[in-house]
Amino acid sequence: VLLTASYQDIKKMEIKDGCHAAIVLLAAAAMLLDRNTGIASRLLG
C-alpha cells in the first residue's frame, strides 16, 4: 500500500482514498492479531 500511495503521489500529486482505507483495514486486522501495540497507542498514533 505504501508503494502504491507513493506512486500515486509522484504521478498525480494525489493519494487515493483506497490507500487510506486499505491501511485502516490492515490496522483493524493488526489490532486483532498483534498484541505488541495496544489500541491506545494506535489511536494516539
Full PDB file with SEQRES, HELIX, SHEET, SSBOND, CRYST1, ORIGX, SCALE, CONECT and MASTER records, all heavy atoms in Angstrom:
SEQRES   1 A   45  VAL LEU LEU THR ALA SER TYR GLN ASP ILE LYS LYS MET          
SEQRES   2 A   45  GLU ILE LYS ASP GLY CYS HIS ALA ALA ILE VAL LEU LEU          
SEQRES   3 A   45  ALA ALA ALA ALA MET LEU LEU ASP ARG ASN THR GLY ILE          
SEQRES   4 A   45  ALA SER ARG LEU LEU GLY                                      
HELIX    1 AA1 LEU A    2  LYS A   12  1                                  11    
HELIX    2 AA2 ASP A   17  LEU A   33  1                                  17    
HELIX    3 AA3 ILE A   39  LEU A   44  1                                   6    
CRYST1    1.000    1.000    1.000  90.00  90.00  90.00 P 1           1          
ORIGX1      1.000000  0.000000  0.000000        0.00000                         
ORIGX2      0.000000  1.000000  0.000000        0.00000                         
ORIGX3      0.000000  0.000000  1.000000        0.00000                         
SCALE1      1.000000  0.000000  0.000000        0.00000                         
SCALE2      0.000000  1.000000  0.000000        0.00000                         
SCALE3      0.000000  0.000000  1.000000        0.00000                         
ATOM      1  N   VAL A   1       0.844  -1.203   0.000  1.00  0.00           N  
ATOM      2  CA  VAL A   1       0.000   0.000   0.000  1.00  0.00           C  
ATOM      3  C   VAL A   1       0.880   1.256   0.000  1.00  0.00           C  
ATOM      4  O   VAL A   1       0.581   2.229  -0.697  1.00  0.00           O  
ATOM      5  CB  VAL A   1      -0.979   0.009   1.184  1.00  0.00           C  
ATOM      6  CG1 VAL A   1      -1.772   1.309   1.228  1.00  0.00           C  
ATOM      7  CG2 VAL A   1      -1.933  -1.178   1.103  1.00  0.00           C  
ATOM      8  N   LEU A   2       1.967   1.240   0.754  1.00  0.00           N  
ATOM      9  CA  LEU A   2       2.877   2.397   0.773  1.00  0.00           C  
ATOM     10  C   LEU A   2       3.484   2.654  -0.601  1.00  0.00           C  
ATOM     11  O   LEU A   2       3.590   3.808  -1.034  1.00  0.00           O  
ATOM     12  CB  LEU A   2       3.984   2.196   1.802  1.00  0.00           C  
ATOM     13  CG  LEU A   2       3.578   2.145   3.273  1.00  0.00           C  
ATOM     14  CD1 LEU A   2       4.807   1.964   4.158  1.00  0.00           C  
ATOM     15  CD2 LEU A   2       2.798   3.392   3.681  1.00  0.00           C  
ATOM     16  N   LEU A   3       3.868   1.587  -1.287  1.00  0.00           N  
ATOM     17  CA  LEU A   3       4.401   1.745  -2.643  1.00  0.00           C  
ATOM     18  C   LEU A   3       3.343   2.320  -3.582  1.00  0.00           C  
ATOM     19  O   LEU A   3       3.635   3.201  -4.404  1.00  0.00           O  
ATOM     20  CB  LEU A   3       4.910   0.401  -3.182  1.00  0.00           C  
ATOM     21  CG  LEU A   3       6.213  -0.103  -2.589  1.00  0.00           C  
ATOM     22  CD1 LEU A   3       6.487  -1.533  -3.043  1.00  0.00           C  
ATOM     23  CD2 LEU A   3       7.366   0.812  -2.975  1.00  0.00           C  
ATOM     24  N   THR A   4       2.122   1.845  -3.444  1.00  0.00           N  
ATOM     25  CA  THR A   4       1.023   2.349  -4.279  1.00  0.00           C  
ATOM     26  C   THR A   4       0.761   3.820  -4.001  1.00  0.00           C  
ATOM     27  O   THR A   4       0.626   4.630  -4.934  1.00  0.00           O  
ATOM     28  CB  THR A   4      -0.259   1.524  -4.017  1.00  0.00           C  
ATOM     29  OG1 THR A   4       0.020   0.150  -4.294  1.00  0.00           O  
ATOM     30  CG2 THR A   4      -1.408   2.005  -4.874  1.00  0.00           C  
ATOM     31  N   ALA A   5       0.703   4.196  -2.731  1.00  0.00           N  
ATOM     32  CA  ALA A   5       0.465   5.593  -2.364  1.00  0.00           C  
ATOM     33  C   ALA A   5       1.587   6.491  -2.863  1.00  0.00           C  
ATOM     34  O   ALA A   5       1.339   7.590  -3.381  1.00  0.00           O  
ATOM     35  CB  ALA A   5       0.316   5.725  -0.840  1.00  0.00           C  
ATOM     36  N   SER A   6       2.822   6.029  -2.746  1.00  0.00           N  
ATOM     37  CA  SER A   6       3.970   6.813  -3.227  1.00  0.00           C  
ATOM     38  C   SER A   6       3.871   7.029  -4.731  1.00  0.00           C  
ATOM     39  O   SER A   6       4.071   8.148  -5.224  1.00  0.00           O  
ATOM     40  CB  SER A   6       5.283   6.104  -2.893  1.00  0.00           C  
ATOM     41  OG  SER A   6       5.495   6.059  -1.521  1.00  0.00           O  
ATOM     42  N   TYR A   7       3.577   5.974  -5.447  1.00  0.00           N  
ATOM     43  CA  TYR A   7       3.457   6.064  -6.904  1.00  0.00           C  
ATOM     44  C   TYR A   7       2.360   7.060  -7.302  1.00  0.00           C  
ATOM     45  O   TYR A   7       2.564   7.912  -8.167  1.00  0.00           O  
ATOM     46  CB  TYR A   7       3.175   4.680  -7.497  1.00  0.00           C  
ATOM     47  CG  TYR A   7       3.008   4.698  -8.988  1.00  0.00           C  
ATOM     48  CD1 TYR A   7       4.123   4.755  -9.819  1.00  0.00           C  
ATOM     49  CD2 TYR A   7       1.745   4.665  -9.571  1.00  0.00           C  
ATOM     50  CE1 TYR A   7       3.983   4.783 -11.204  1.00  0.00           C  
ATOM     51  CE2 TYR A   7       1.589   4.690 -10.945  1.00  0.00           C  
ATOM     52  CZ  TYR A   7       2.709   4.748 -11.759  1.00  0.00           C  
ATOM     53  OH  TYR A   7       2.563   4.781 -13.121  1.00  0.00           O  
ATOM     54  N   GLN A   8       1.206   6.937  -6.660  1.00  0.00           N  
ATOM     55  CA  GLN A   8       0.100   7.849  -6.963  1.00  0.00           C  
ATOM     56  C   GLN A   8       0.497   9.295  -6.711  1.00  0.00           C  
ATOM     57  O   GLN A   8       0.205  10.187  -7.523  1.00  0.00           O  
ATOM     58  CB  GLN A   8      -1.129   7.511  -6.110  1.00  0.00           C  
ATOM     59  CG  GLN A   8      -1.815   6.243  -6.472  1.00  0.00           C  
ATOM     60  CD  GLN A   8      -2.938   5.885  -5.507  1.00  0.00           C  
ATOM     61  OE1 GLN A   8      -3.148   6.543  -4.510  1.00  0.00           O  
ATOM     62  NE2 GLN A   8      -3.645   4.810  -5.815  1.00  0.00           N  
ATOM     63  N   ASP A   9       1.149   9.547  -5.581  1.00  0.00           N  
ATOM     64  CA  ASP A   9       1.510  10.907  -5.221  1.00  0.00           C  
ATOM     65  C   ASP A   9       2.564  11.480  -6.178  1.00  0.00           C  
ATOM     66  O   ASP A   9       2.492  12.649  -6.564  1.00  0.00           O  
ATOM     67  CB  ASP A   9       2.010  10.963  -3.775  1.00  0.00           C  
ATOM     68  CG  ASP A   9       1.798  12.324  -3.125  1.00  0.00           C  
ATOM     69  OD1 ASP A   9       1.000  13.137  -3.646  1.00  0.00           O  
ATOM     70  OD2 ASP A   9       2.428  12.577  -2.086  1.00  0.00           O  
ATOM     71  N   ILE A  10       3.521  10.669  -6.577  1.00  0.00           N  
ATOM     72  CA  ILE A  10       4.544  11.137  -7.521  1.00  0.00           C  
ATOM     73  C   ILE A  10       3.911  11.454  -8.869  1.00  0.00           C  
ATOM     74  O   ILE A  10       4.215  12.473  -9.480  1.00  0.00           O  
ATOM     75  CB  ILE A  10       5.669  10.089  -7.677  1.00  0.00           C  
ATOM     76  CG1 ILE A  10       6.508  10.026  -6.394  1.00  0.00           C  
ATOM     77  CG2 ILE A  10       6.549  10.399  -8.880  1.00  0.00           C  
ATOM     78  CD1 ILE A  10       7.449   8.839  -6.319  1.00  0.00           C  
ATOM     79  N   LYS A  11       3.019  10.587  -9.329  1.00  0.00           N  
ATOM     80  CA  LYS A  11       2.421  10.752 -10.661  1.00  0.00           C  
ATOM     81  C   LYS A  11       1.400  11.887 -10.737  1.00  0.00           C  
ATOM     82  O   LYS A  11       1.374  12.630 -11.713  1.00  0.00           O  
ATOM     83  CB  LYS A  11       1.757   9.445 -11.115  1.00  0.00           C  
ATOM     84  CG  LYS A  11       2.730   8.413 -11.540  1.00  0.00           C  
ATOM     85  CD  LYS A  11       3.483   8.870 -12.768  1.00  0.00           C  
ATOM     86  CE  LYS A  11       4.410   7.814 -13.281  1.00  0.00           C  
ATOM     87  NZ  LYS A  11       5.262   8.290 -14.362  1.00  0.00           N  
ATOM     88  N   LYS A  12       0.524  12.009  -9.716  1.00  0.00           N  
ATOM     89  CA  LYS A  12      -0.594  12.945  -9.819  1.00  0.00           C  
ATOM     90  C   LYS A  12      -0.725  13.904  -8.646  1.00  0.00           C  
ATOM     91  O   LYS A  12      -1.700  14.646  -8.574  1.00  0.00           O  
ATOM     92  CB  LYS A  12      -1.903  12.175  -9.982  1.00  0.00           C  
ATOM     93  CG  LYS A  12      -1.957  11.400 -11.271  1.00  0.00           C  
ATOM     94  CD  LYS A  12      -3.342  10.887 -11.558  1.00  0.00           C  
ATOM     95  CE  LYS A  12      -3.325  10.180 -12.895  1.00  0.00           C  
ATOM     96  NZ  LYS A  12      -4.628   9.761 -13.308  1.00  0.00           N  
ATOM     97  N   MET A  13       0.240  13.864  -7.696  1.00  0.00           N  
ATOM     98  CA  MET A  13       0.165  14.715  -6.501  1.00  0.00           C  
ATOM     99  C   MET A  13      -1.146  14.472  -5.755  1.00  0.00           C  
ATOM    100  O   MET A  13      -1.774  15.395  -5.243  1.00  0.00           O  
ATOM    101  CB  MET A  13       0.315  16.203  -6.851  1.00  0.00           C  
ATOM    102  CG  MET A  13       1.639  16.583  -7.449  1.00  0.00           C  
ATOM    103  SD  MET A  13       2.947  16.742  -6.238  1.00  0.00           S  
ATOM    104  CE  MET A  13       2.444  18.210  -5.393  1.00  0.00           C  
ATOM    105  N   GLU A  14      -1.548  13.206  -5.714  1.00  0.00           N  
ATOM    106  CA  GLU A  14      -2.798  12.826  -5.051  1.00  0.00           C  
ATOM    107  C   GLU A  14      -2.662  11.387  -4.566  1.00  0.00           C  
ATOM    108  O   GLU A  14      -2.091  10.548  -5.259  1.00  0.00           O  
ATOM    109  CB  GLU A  14      -3.955  12.927  -6.049  1.00  0.00           C  
ATOM    110  CG  GLU A  14      -5.277  12.500  -5.512  1.00  0.00           C  
ATOM    111  CD  GLU A  14      -6.391  12.540  -6.562  1.00  0.00           C  
ATOM    112  OE1 GLU A  14      -6.106  12.791  -7.747  1.00  0.00           O  
ATOM    113  OE2 GLU A  14      -7.532  12.301  -6.184  1.00  0.00           O  
ATOM    114  N   ILE A  15      -3.191  11.140  -3.363  1.00  0.00           N  
ATOM    115  CA  ILE A  15      -3.228   9.780  -2.838  1.00  0.00           C  
ATOM    116  C   ILE A  15      -4.699   9.386  -2.732  1.00  0.00           C  
ATOM    117  O   ILE A  15      -5.470  10.038  -2.030  1.00  0.00           O  
ATOM    118  CB  ILE A  15      -2.540   9.688  -1.458  1.00  0.00           C  
ATOM    119  CG1 ILE A  15      -1.079  10.130  -1.567  1.00  0.00           C  
ATOM    120  CG2 ILE A  15      -2.639   8.267  -0.908  1.00  0.00           C  
ATOM    121  CD1 ILE A  15      -0.381  10.300  -0.237  1.00  0.00           C  
ATOM    122  N   LYS A  16      -5.070   8.359  -3.433  1.00  0.00           N  
ATOM    123  CA  LYS A  16      -6.474   7.935  -3.467  1.00  0.00           C  
ATOM    124  C   LYS A  16      -6.924   7.402  -2.108  1.00  0.00           C  
ATOM    125  O   LYS A  16      -6.136   6.832  -1.356  1.00  0.00           O  
ATOM    126  CB  LYS A  16      -6.669   6.842  -4.518  1.00  0.00           C  
ATOM    127  CG  LYS A  16      -6.269   7.245  -5.912  1.00  0.00           C  
ATOM    128  CD  LYS A  16      -7.368   7.987  -6.575  1.00  0.00           C  
ATOM    129  CE  LYS A  16      -6.964   8.227  -8.033  1.00  0.00           C  
ATOM    130  NZ  LYS A  16      -7.823   9.128  -8.700  1.00  0.00           N  
ATOM    131  N   ASP A  17      -8.196   7.596  -1.812  1.00  0.00           N  
ATOM    132  CA  ASP A  17      -8.762   7.159  -0.538  1.00  0.00           C  
ATOM    133  C   ASP A  17      -8.676   5.649  -0.340  1.00  0.00           C  
ATOM    134  O   ASP A  17      -8.679   5.165   0.788  1.00  0.00           O  
ATOM    135  CB  ASP A  17     -10.216   7.618  -0.399  1.00  0.00           C  
ATOM    136  CG  ASP A  17     -10.316   9.109  -0.116  1.00  0.00           C  
ATOM    137  OD1 ASP A  17      -9.325   9.693   0.377  1.00  0.00           O  
ATOM    138  OD2 ASP A  17     -11.386   9.689  -0.369  1.00  0.00           O  
ATOM    139  N   GLY A  18      -8.576   4.891  -1.424  1.00  0.00           N  
ATOM    140  CA  GLY A  18      -8.440   3.447  -1.303  1.00  0.00           C  
ATOM    141  C   GLY A  18      -7.190   3.050  -0.533  1.00  0.00           C  
ATOM    142  O   GLY A  18      -7.199   2.055   0.199  1.00  0.00           O  
ATOM    143  N   CYS A  19      -6.122   3.831  -0.666  1.00  0.00           N  
ATOM    144  CA  CYS A  19      -4.893   3.540   0.093  1.00  0.00           C  
ATOM    145  C   CYS A  19      -5.128   3.746   1.580  1.00  0.00           C  
ATOM    146  O   CYS A  19      -4.726   2.919   2.401  1.00  0.00           O  
ATOM    147  CB  CYS A  19      -3.748   4.437  -0.385  1.00  0.00           C  
ATOM    148  SG  CYS A  19      -3.126   3.992  -2.025  1.00  0.00           S  
ATOM    149  N   HIS A  20      -5.802   4.843   1.919  1.00  0.00           N  
ATOM    150  CA  HIS A  20      -6.087   5.115   3.328  1.00  0.00           C  
ATOM    151  C   HIS A  20      -6.988   4.020   3.909  1.00  0.00           C  
ATOM    152  O   HIS A  20      -6.747   3.520   5.018  1.00  0.00           O  
ATOM    153  CB  HIS A  20      -6.767   6.484   3.493  1.00  0.00           C  
ATOM    154  CG  HIS A  20      -6.053   7.578   2.779  1.00  0.00           C  
ATOM    155  ND1 HIS A  20      -6.650   8.300   1.776  1.00  0.00           N  
ATOM    156  CD2 HIS A  20      -4.805   8.082   2.908  1.00  0.00           C  
ATOM    157  CE1 HIS A  20      -5.796   9.191   1.315  1.00  0.00           C  
ATOM    158  NE2 HIS A  20      -4.664   9.079   1.986  1.00  0.00           N  
ATOM    159  N   ALA A  21      -7.996   3.654   3.139  1.00  0.00           N  
ATOM    160  CA  ALA A  21      -8.941   2.624   3.604  1.00  0.00           C  
ATOM    161  C   ALA A  21      -8.234   1.283   3.780  1.00  0.00           C  
ATOM    162  O   ALA A  21      -8.488   0.565   4.756  1.00  0.00           O  
ATOM    163  CB  ALA A  21     -10.099   2.496   2.618  1.00  0.00           C  
ATOM    164  N   ALA A  22      -7.332   0.952   2.863  1.00  0.00           N  
ATOM    165  CA  ALA A  22      -6.604  -0.312   2.973  1.00  0.00           C  
ATOM    166  C   ALA A  22      -5.759  -0.334   4.246  1.00  0.00           C  
ATOM    167  O   ALA A  22      -5.698  -1.359   4.944  1.00  0.00           O  
ATOM    168  CB  ALA A  22      -5.722  -0.522   1.743  1.00  0.00           C  
ATOM    169  N   ILE A  23      -5.120   0.789   4.565  1.00  0.00           N  
ATOM    170  CA  ILE A  23      -4.299   0.833   5.780  1.00  0.00           C  
ATOM    171  C   ILE A  23      -5.177   0.726   7.022  1.00  0.00           C  
ATOM    172  O   ILE A  23      -4.804   0.062   7.994  1.00  0.00           O  
ATOM    173  CB  ILE A  23      -3.418   2.096   5.800  1.00  0.00           C  
ATOM    174  CG1 ILE A  23      -2.384   2.034   4.664  1.00  0.00           C  
ATOM    175  CG2 ILE A  23      -2.710   2.237   7.150  1.00  0.00           C  
ATOM    176  CD1 ILE A  23      -1.570   3.297   4.482  1.00  0.00           C  
ATOM    177  N   VAL A  24      -6.337   1.355   7.006  1.00  0.00           N  
ATOM    178  CA  VAL A  24      -7.249   1.244   8.156  1.00  0.00           C  
ATOM    179  C   VAL A  24      -7.689  -0.209   8.334  1.00  0.00           C  
ATOM    180  O   VAL A  24      -7.756  -0.711   9.461  1.00  0.00           O  
ATOM    181  CB  VAL A  24      -8.459   2.202   8.002  1.00  0.00           C  
ATOM    182  CG1 VAL A  24      -9.531   1.899   9.035  1.00  0.00           C  
ATOM    183  CG2 VAL A  24      -8.003   3.653   8.113  1.00  0.00           C  
ATOM    184  N   LEU A  25      -7.977  -0.906   7.243  1.00  0.00           N  
ATOM    185  CA  LEU A  25      -8.337  -2.324   7.337  1.00  0.00           C  
ATOM    186  C   LEU A  25      -7.173  -3.162   7.868  1.00  0.00           C  
ATOM    187  O   LEU A  25      -7.375  -4.063   8.698  1.00  0.00           O  
ATOM    188  CB  LEU A  25      -8.792  -2.851   5.980  1.00  0.00           C  
ATOM    189  CG  LEU A  25     -10.139  -2.334   5.478  1.00  0.00           C  
ATOM    190  CD1 LEU A  25     -10.405  -2.831   4.059  1.00  0.00           C  
ATOM    191  CD2 LEU A  25     -11.259  -2.743   6.421  1.00  0.00           C  
ATOM    192  N   LEU A  26      -5.964  -2.846   7.428  1.00  0.00           N  
ATOM    193  CA  LEU A  26      -4.791  -3.538   7.956  1.00  0.00           C  
ATOM    194  C   LEU A  26      -4.615  -3.256   9.447  1.00  0.00           C  
ATOM    195  O   LEU A  26      -4.253  -4.149  10.219  1.00  0.00           O  
ATOM    196  CB  LEU A  26      -3.534  -3.133   7.186  1.00  0.00           C  
ATOM    197  CG  LEU A  26      -3.418  -3.633   5.754  1.00  0.00           C  
ATOM    198  CD1 LEU A  26      -2.236  -2.976   5.038  1.00  0.00           C  
ATOM    199  CD2 LEU A  26      -3.287  -5.146   5.730  1.00  0.00           C  
ATOM    200  N   ALA A  27      -4.888  -2.014   9.839  1.00  0.00           N  
ATOM    201  CA  ALA A  27      -4.788  -1.653  11.260  1.00  0.00           C  
ATOM    202  C   ALA A  27      -5.817  -2.428  12.081  1.00  0.00           C  
ATOM    203  O   ALA A  27      -5.507  -2.898  13.183  1.00  0.00           O  
ATOM    204  CB  ALA A  27      -4.984  -0.152  11.438  1.00  0.00           C  
ATOM    205  N   ALA A  28      -7.017  -2.562  11.549  1.00  0.00           N  
ATOM    206  CA  ALA A  28      -8.050  -3.321  12.263  1.00  0.00           C  
ATOM    207  C   ALA A  28      -7.616  -4.779  12.432  1.00  0.00           C  
ATOM    208  O   ALA A  28      -7.766  -5.363  13.507  1.00  0.00           O  
ATOM    209  CB  ALA A  28      -9.381  -3.234  11.521  1.00  0.00           C  
ATOM    210  N   ALA A  29      -7.057  -5.351  11.383  1.00  0.00           N  
ATOM    211  CA  ALA A  29      -6.566  -6.728  11.478  1.00  0.00           C  
ATOM    212  C   ALA A  29      -5.407  -6.813  12.467  1.00  0.00           C  
ATOM    213  O   ALA A  29      -5.326  -7.763  13.258  1.00  0.00           O  
ATOM    214  CB  ALA A  29      -6.135  -7.224  10.097  1.00  0.00           C  
ATOM    215  N   ALA A  30      -4.535  -5.826  12.445  1.00  0.00           N  
ATOM    216  CA  ALA A  30      -3.384  -5.815  13.359  1.00  0.00           C  
ATOM    217  C   ALA A  30      -3.841  -5.705  14.816  1.00  0.00           C  
ATOM    218  O   ALA A  30      -3.221  -6.290  15.702  1.00  0.00           O  
ATOM    219  CB  ALA A  30      -2.438  -4.669  13.003  1.00  0.00           C  
ATOM    220  N   MET A  31      -4.919  -4.972  15.057  1.00  0.00           N  
ATOM    221  CA  MET A  31      -5.436  -4.857  16.422  1.00  0.00           C  
ATOM    222  C   MET A  31      -5.862  -6.224  16.964  1.00  0.00           C  
ATOM    223  O   MET A  31      -5.729  -6.490  18.154  1.00  0.00           O  
ATOM    224  CB  MET A  31      -6.614  -3.890  16.483  1.00  0.00           C  
ATOM    225  CG  MET A  31      -6.225  -2.450  16.418  1.00  0.00           C  
ATOM    226  SD  MET A  31      -7.687  -1.404  16.582  1.00  0.00           S  
ATOM    227  CE  MET A  31      -7.153   0.056  15.711  1.00  0.00           C  
ATOM    228  N   LEU A  32      -6.351  -7.064  16.080  1.00  0.00           N  
ATOM    229  CA  LEU A  32      -6.780  -8.401  16.490  1.00  0.00           C  
ATOM    230  C   LEU A  32      -5.610  -9.382  16.599  1.00  0.00           C  
ATOM    231  O   LEU A  32      -5.616 -10.258  17.452  1.00  0.00           O  
ATOM    232  CB  LEU A  32      -7.803  -8.939  15.493  1.00  0.00           C  
ATOM    233  CG  LEU A  32      -9.112  -8.162  15.373  1.00  0.00           C  
ATOM    234  CD1 LEU A  32      -9.942  -8.713  14.220  1.00  0.00           C  
ATOM    235  CD2 LEU A  32      -9.889  -8.204  16.673  1.00  0.00           C  
ATOM    236  N   LEU A  33      -4.624  -9.210  15.742  1.00  0.00           N  
ATOM    237  CA  LEU A  33      -3.554 -10.202  15.638  1.00  0.00           C  
ATOM    238  C   LEU A  33      -2.261  -9.824  16.357  1.00  0.00           C  
ATOM    239  O   LEU A  33      -1.499 -10.701  16.748  1.00  0.00           O  
ATOM    240  CB  LEU A  33      -3.233 -10.469  14.163  1.00  0.00           C  
ATOM    241  CG  LEU A  33      -4.396 -10.976  13.322  1.00  0.00           C  
ATOM    242  CD1 LEU A  33      -4.000 -11.040  11.852  1.00  0.00           C  
ATOM    243  CD2 LEU A  33      -4.848 -12.337  13.816  1.00  0.00           C  
ATOM    244  N   ASP A  34      -2.010  -8.532  16.502  1.00  0.00           N  
ATOM    245  CA  ASP A  34      -0.739  -8.060  17.076  1.00  0.00           C  
ATOM    246  C   ASP A  34      -0.990  -7.432  18.437  1.00  0.00           C  
ATOM    247  O   ASP A  34      -1.506  -6.337  18.538  1.00  0.00           O  
ATOM    248  CB  ASP A  34      -0.094  -7.042  16.129  1.00  0.00           C  
ATOM    249  CG  ASP A  34       1.180  -6.439  16.686  1.00  0.00           C  
ATOM    250  OD1 ASP A  34       1.739  -6.974  17.658  1.00  0.00           O  
ATOM    251  OD2 ASP A  34       1.629  -5.421  16.125  1.00  0.00           O  
ATOM    252  N   ARG A  35      -0.604  -8.142  19.459  1.00  0.00           N  
ATOM    253  CA  ARG A  35      -0.832  -7.663  20.837  1.00  0.00           C  
ATOM    254  C   ARG A  35       0.313  -6.773  21.333  1.00  0.00           C  
ATOM    255  O   ARG A  35       0.250  -6.255  22.428  1.00  0.00           O  
ATOM    256  CB  ARG A  35      -1.005  -8.848  21.783  1.00  0.00           C  
ATOM    257  CG  ARG A  35      -2.173  -9.729  21.421  1.00  0.00           C  
ATOM    258  CD  ARG A  35      -3.468  -9.049  21.739  1.00  0.00           C  
ATOM    259  NE  ARG A  35      -4.578  -9.950  21.442  1.00  0.00           N  
ATOM    260  CZ  ARG A  35      -5.736  -9.532  21.008  1.00  0.00           C  
ATOM    261  NH1 ARG A  35      -5.955  -8.269  20.826  1.00  0.00           N  
ATOM    262  NH2 ARG A  35      -6.698 -10.389  20.766  1.00  0.00           N  
ATOM    263  N   ASN A  36       1.365  -6.589  20.525  1.00  0.00           N  
ATOM    264  CA  ASN A  36       2.501  -5.763  20.948  1.00  0.00           C  
ATOM    265  C   ASN A  36       2.168  -4.279  20.973  1.00  0.00           C  
ATOM    266  O   ASN A  36       2.740  -3.529  21.764  1.00  0.00           O  
ATOM    267  CB  ASN A  36       3.708  -6.001  20.040  1.00  0.00           C  
ATOM    268  CG  ASN A  36       4.248  -7.399  20.177  1.00  0.00           C  
ATOM    269  OD1 ASN A  36       4.186  -7.986  21.250  1.00  0.00           O  
ATOM    270  ND2 ASN A  36       4.759  -7.952  19.094  1.00  0.00           N  
ATOM    271  N   THR A  37       1.289  -3.848  20.097  1.00  0.00           N  
ATOM    272  CA  THR A  37       0.888  -2.445  20.035  1.00  0.00           C  
ATOM    273  C   THR A  37      -0.559  -2.343  20.488  1.00  0.00           C  
ATOM    274  O   THR A  37      -1.452  -2.882  19.839  1.00  0.00           O  
ATOM    275  CB  THR A  37       1.037  -1.888  18.602  1.00  0.00           C  
ATOM    276  OG1 THR A  37       2.381  -2.119  18.165  1.00  0.00           O  
ATOM    277  CG2 THR A  37       0.748  -0.404  18.563  1.00  0.00           C  
ATOM    278  N   GLY A  38      -0.784  -1.655  21.602  1.00  0.00           N  
ATOM    279  CA  GLY A  38      -2.125  -1.550  22.158  1.00  0.00           C  
ATOM    280  C   GLY A  38      -3.029  -0.612  21.383  1.00  0.00           C  
ATOM    281  O   GLY A  38      -2.569   0.201  20.569  1.00  0.00           O  
ATOM    282  N   ILE A  39      -4.303  -0.726  21.652  1.00  0.00           N  
ATOM    283  CA  ILE A  39      -5.292   0.125  20.969  1.00  0.00           C  
ATOM    284  C   ILE A  39      -5.070   1.590  21.298  1.00  0.00           C  
ATOM    285  O   ILE A  39      -5.168   2.448  20.422  1.00  0.00           O  
ATOM    286  CB  ILE A  39      -6.725  -0.330  21.328  1.00  0.00           C  
ATOM    287  CG1 ILE A  39      -6.981  -1.712  20.730  1.00  0.00           C  
ATOM    288  CG2 ILE A  39      -7.757   0.680  20.833  1.00  0.00           C  
ATOM    289  CD1 ILE A  39      -8.303  -2.332  21.105  1.00  0.00           C  
ATOM    290  N   ALA A  40      -4.732   1.910  22.548  1.00  0.00           N  
ATOM    291  CA  ALA A  40      -4.489   3.313  22.927  1.00  0.00           C  
ATOM    292  C   ALA A  40      -3.326   3.883  22.130  1.00  0.00           C  
ATOM    293  O   ALA A  40      -3.404   5.025  21.651  1.00  0.00           O  
ATOM    294  CB  ALA A  40      -4.222   3.412  24.422  1.00  0.00           C  
ATOM    295  N   SER A  41      -2.261   3.113  21.962  1.00  0.00           N  
ATOM    296  CA  SER A  41      -1.112   3.567  21.181  1.00  0.00           C  
ATOM    297  C   SER A  41      -1.508   3.789  19.724  1.00  0.00           C  
ATOM    298  O   SER A  41      -1.073   4.758  19.089  1.00  0.00           O  
ATOM    299  CB  SER A  41       0.024   2.546  21.258  1.00  0.00           C  
ATOM    300  OG  SER A  41       1.098   2.938  20.430  1.00  0.00           O  
ATOM    301  N   ARG A  42      -2.339   2.918  19.203  1.00  0.00           N  
ATOM    302  CA  ARG A  42      -2.782   3.056  17.810  1.00  0.00           C  
ATOM    303  C   ARG A  42      -3.667   4.288  17.623  1.00  0.00           C  
ATOM    304  O   ARG A  42      -3.516   5.030  16.657  1.00  0.00           O  
ATOM    305  CB  ARG A  42      -3.519   1.790  17.369  1.00  0.00           C  
ATOM    306  CG  ARG A  42      -2.611   0.581  17.275  1.00  0.00           C  
ATOM    307  CD  ARG A  42      -3.412  -0.666  16.889  1.00  0.00           C  
ATOM    308  NE  ARG A  42      -2.618  -1.865  16.961  1.00  0.00           N  
ATOM    309  CZ  ARG A  42      -1.761  -2.275  16.036  1.00  0.00           C  
ATOM    310  NH1 ARG A  42      -1.584  -1.559  14.957  1.00  0.00           N  
ATOM    311  NH2 ARG A  42      -1.082  -3.403  16.203  1.00  0.00           N  
ATOM    312  N   LEU A  43      -4.585   4.508  18.568  1.00  0.00           N  
ATOM    313  CA  LEU A  43      -5.459   5.689  18.463  1.00  0.00           C  
ATOM    314  C   LEU A  43      -4.653   6.976  18.589  1.00  0.00           C  
ATOM    315  O   LEU A  43      -4.880   7.942  17.852  1.00  0.00           O  
ATOM    316  CB  LEU A  43      -6.563   5.627  19.507  1.00  0.00           C  
ATOM    317  CG  LEU A  43      -7.593   4.509  19.315  1.00  0.00           C  
ATOM    318  CD1 LEU A  43      -8.551   4.451  20.501  1.00  0.00           C  
ATOM    319  CD2 LEU A  43      -8.348   4.682  18.009  1.00  0.00           C  
ATOM    320  N   LEU A  44      -3.709   7.001  19.526  1.00  0.00           N  
ATOM    321  CA  LEU A  44      -2.836   8.161  19.662  1.00  0.00           C  
ATOM    322  C   LEU A  44      -1.975   8.325  18.419  1.00  0.00           C  
ATOM    323  O   LEU A  44      -1.730   9.452  17.954  1.00  0.00           O  
ATOM    324  CB  LEU A  44      -1.962   8.023  20.915  1.00  0.00           C  
ATOM    325  CG  LEU A  44      -1.073   9.201  21.264  1.00  0.00           C  
ATOM    326  CD1 LEU A  44      -1.884  10.494  21.429  1.00  0.00           C  
ATOM    327  CD2 LEU A  44      -0.290   8.910  22.538  1.00  0.00           C  
ATOM    328  N   GLY A  45      -1.541   7.209  17.848  1.00  0.00           N  
ATOM    329  CA  GLY A  45      -0.758   7.246  16.617  1.00  0.00           C  
ATOM    330  C   GLY A  45      -1.520   7.867  15.460  1.00  0.00           C  
ATOM    331  O   GLY A  45      -0.950   8.562  14.624  1.00  0.00           O  
TER     332      GLY A  45                                                      
MASTER        0    0    0    3    0    0    0    6  331    1    0    4          
END                                                                             
